[in-house]
Protein backbone atom coordinates (compact mmCIF):
# COMPACT_ATOMS: atom_id res chain seq x y z
CA MET A 1 -19.10 9.23 -5.67
CA ALA A 2 -22.06 11.53 -4.65
CA ALA A 3 -22.35 14.96 -5.55
CA LEU A 4 -20.52 17.49 -3.36
CA ASN A 5 -22.86 19.43 -1.20
CA LYS A 6 -22.21 22.86 -1.72
CA PHE A 7 -22.63 25.47 1.96
CA ASP A 8 -24.89 28.46 0.77
CA SER A 9 -22.45 31.04 1.62
CA PHE A 10 -19.79 29.81 -1.05
CA LEU A 11 -21.07 31.70 -3.76
CA GLU A 12 -21.60 34.69 -1.88
CA ALA A 13 -17.77 34.37 0.10
CA VAL A 14 -16.46 34.12 -3.94
CA ALA A 15 -18.31 37.52 -4.83
CA GLU A 16 -16.62 38.87 -1.58
CA LYS A 17 -13.03 37.76 -2.54
CA LYS A 18 -12.86 35.25 0.50
CA HIS A 19 -11.54 32.53 -2.17
CA ASN A 20 -8.85 32.55 -4.59
CA LEU A 21 -9.66 29.23 -6.09
CA GLY A 22 -6.69 29.59 -8.60
CA SER A 23 -4.23 29.49 -5.27
CA ASP A 24 -5.72 29.13 -2.11
CA THR A 25 -5.11 26.13 -0.01
CA ILE A 26 -8.38 23.65 0.00
CA LYS A 27 -8.62 21.01 2.73
CA TRP A 28 -10.75 18.14 4.05
CA PHE A 29 -11.37 17.45 7.29
CA LEU A 30 -13.46 14.41 8.76
CA THR A 31 -16.80 14.76 10.79
CA ASN A 32 -19.67 13.01 12.24
CA GLU A 33 -21.89 15.84 12.75
CA ALA A 34 -23.87 16.59 9.90
CA PRO A 35 -22.88 20.01 8.05
CA GLN A 36 -26.10 22.09 7.42
CA ALA A 37 -26.06 24.49 4.19
CA SER A 38 -26.41 27.16 6.23
CA ASP A 39 -23.01 26.83 8.28
CA THR A 40 -20.59 29.27 6.84
CA VAL A 41 -16.76 28.87 8.54
CA LYS A 42 -15.04 25.62 9.74
CA SER A 43 -15.86 26.16 13.51
CA ASP A 44 -19.42 25.48 12.70
CA ILE A 45 -18.62 21.88 12.56
CA ALA A 46 -17.25 19.65 15.13
CA GLU A 47 -14.10 18.14 13.55
CA LEU A 48 -12.65 14.91 14.52
CA SER A 49 -9.79 15.35 17.39
CA GLY A 50 -6.59 14.90 15.89
CA GLY A 51 -4.73 11.33 16.96
CA ASN A 52 -4.19 8.05 16.04
CA GLY A 53 -3.27 9.42 12.28
CA TYR A 54 -5.86 11.99 12.09
CA THR A 55 -4.23 15.30 11.71
CA ALA A 56 -6.52 18.58 13.24
CA GLY A 57 -7.37 20.67 10.20
CA GLY A 58 -7.49 18.37 7.39
CA ASN A 59 -5.75 17.07 4.33
CA VAL A 60 -4.56 19.24 1.63
CA SER A 61 -5.99 18.95 -1.79
CA ALA A 62 -3.90 20.36 -4.54
CA ILE A 63 -5.32 22.62 -7.13
CA THR A 64 -4.67 21.05 -10.39
CA SER A 65 -6.68 23.44 -13.03
CA SER A 66 -8.53 26.66 -12.68
CA SER A 67 -9.89 28.09 -15.81
CA THR A 68 -12.41 29.43 -17.75
CA SER A 69 -14.19 28.09 -21.45
CA ALA A 70 -17.04 29.30 -23.27
CA GLY A 71 -18.11 30.86 -20.21
CA VAL A 72 -18.06 28.45 -17.18
CA TYR A 73 -15.36 28.47 -14.74
CA LYS A 74 -13.99 25.11 -13.61
CA MET A 75 -11.89 24.19 -10.88
CA VAL A 76 -10.13 20.80 -10.47
CA ILE A 77 -8.33 19.36 -7.35
CA GLY A 78 -6.44 16.49 -6.55
CA SER A 79 -7.34 13.87 -4.07
CA PRO A 80 -6.36 14.35 -0.51
CA ASP A 81 -3.83 11.93 0.86
CA PRO A 82 -5.82 9.19 2.59
CA TRP A 83 -6.47 9.29 6.36
CA VAL A 84 -4.44 6.22 8.21
CA ALA A 85 -5.49 4.85 11.28
CA SER A 86 -2.29 4.26 13.11
CA GLY A 87 -1.82 3.41 17.18
CA GLY A 88 -5.59 3.46 17.17
CA PRO A 89 -8.63 4.27 15.68
CA ILE A 90 -9.99 7.48 13.89
CA GLY A 91 -13.49 8.33 14.06
CA PRO A 92 -16.62 7.46 13.67
CA PHE A 93 -17.38 9.75 11.18
CA ARG A 94 -19.68 9.95 8.12
CA TYR A 95 -18.58 13.29 6.26
CA ALA A 96 -15.71 14.69 4.35
CA VAL A 97 -16.00 18.66 4.71
CA ALA A 98 -13.86 20.96 2.03
CA TYR A 99 -12.85 24.46 3.34
CA ASN A 100 -10.36 27.20 2.27
CA ASP A 101 -7.76 27.13 4.73
CA THR A 102 -6.37 30.43 3.32
CA ALA A 103 -9.55 32.66 3.52
CA ALA A 104 -9.11 34.16 7.06
CA SER A 105 -11.99 32.65 8.79
CA ASP A 106 -11.65 29.50 6.95
CA GLU A 107 -14.79 29.60 4.80
CA LEU A 108 -16.58 26.28 3.83
CA ILE A 109 -16.85 25.18 0.45
CA GLY A 110 -19.12 21.97 0.37
CA TRP A 111 -19.20 18.51 1.83
CA TYR A 112 -19.58 14.47 0.86
CA ASP A 113 -22.00 12.36 2.73
CA ARG A 114 -20.68 8.78 3.02
CA GLY A 115 -24.40 7.53 3.64
CA GLU A 116 -22.96 6.17 7.07
CA SER A 117 -20.83 6.79 9.70
CA ILE A 118 -17.40 4.39 10.08
CA THR A 119 -14.25 3.66 12.36
CA LEU A 120 -11.08 3.14 10.81
CA GLN A 121 -9.30 0.65 12.92
CA ASP A 122 -5.55 0.65 13.71
CA GLY A 123 -4.10 -0.06 10.01
CA GLU A 124 -7.33 1.05 7.80
CA SER A 125 -7.50 4.00 5.56
CA PHE A 126 -9.87 6.28 3.73
CA GLU A 127 -9.64 7.74 0.71
CA LEU A 128 -11.74 10.48 -0.77
CA ASP A 129 -11.29 9.66 -4.52
CA LEU A 130 -11.78 13.01 -6.68
CA SER A 131 -10.30 11.27 -9.80
CA GLY A 132 -13.60 11.11 -11.74
CA GLN A 133 -14.40 15.02 -11.78
CA SER A 134 -14.17 15.62 -15.32
CA ASN A 135 -16.47 18.45 -15.31
CA GLY A 136 -14.45 20.24 -12.12
CA LEU A 137 -15.61 20.45 -8.52
CA ILE A 138 -16.47 23.70 -8.54
CA GLN A 139 -18.14 25.44 -11.33
CA LEU A 140 -19.32 28.66 -12.23
CA ALA A 141 -21.46 30.29 -14.66
CA TRP A 142 -23.12 33.14 -14.98
CA ALA A 143 -26.84 32.63 -15.63
CA ALA A 144 -28.87 35.98 -17.19
């Protein structure tokens, strides 16, 4: 999978205690609107409408580990449940966007770009596979 693109505001939001990456609820939503690095909160990006198997607000990724070793913090999260079209299509969408659903303003974290838009037809599914993140989805380190 391509690298996670980060939102510029993410590190500032961590520093200002808007994120607790060890316990907050991280969700992913789908969109066909290109995220901008300058976006800060979920409402800055038009999410797909709920229906046909897509739940507005997106799907949860469970935090599987949140720890520091040798001065580097890593957060590893599980893959969200797949999106399955049921009763009609889902999409089109190109981007999967991560945000903090616990934070008061739903602060953004990052996004993946599929490279092209797709529409799931009835019975088709889309899985955001995060299983290969041995270095964590997010790493934070002090640079002097």
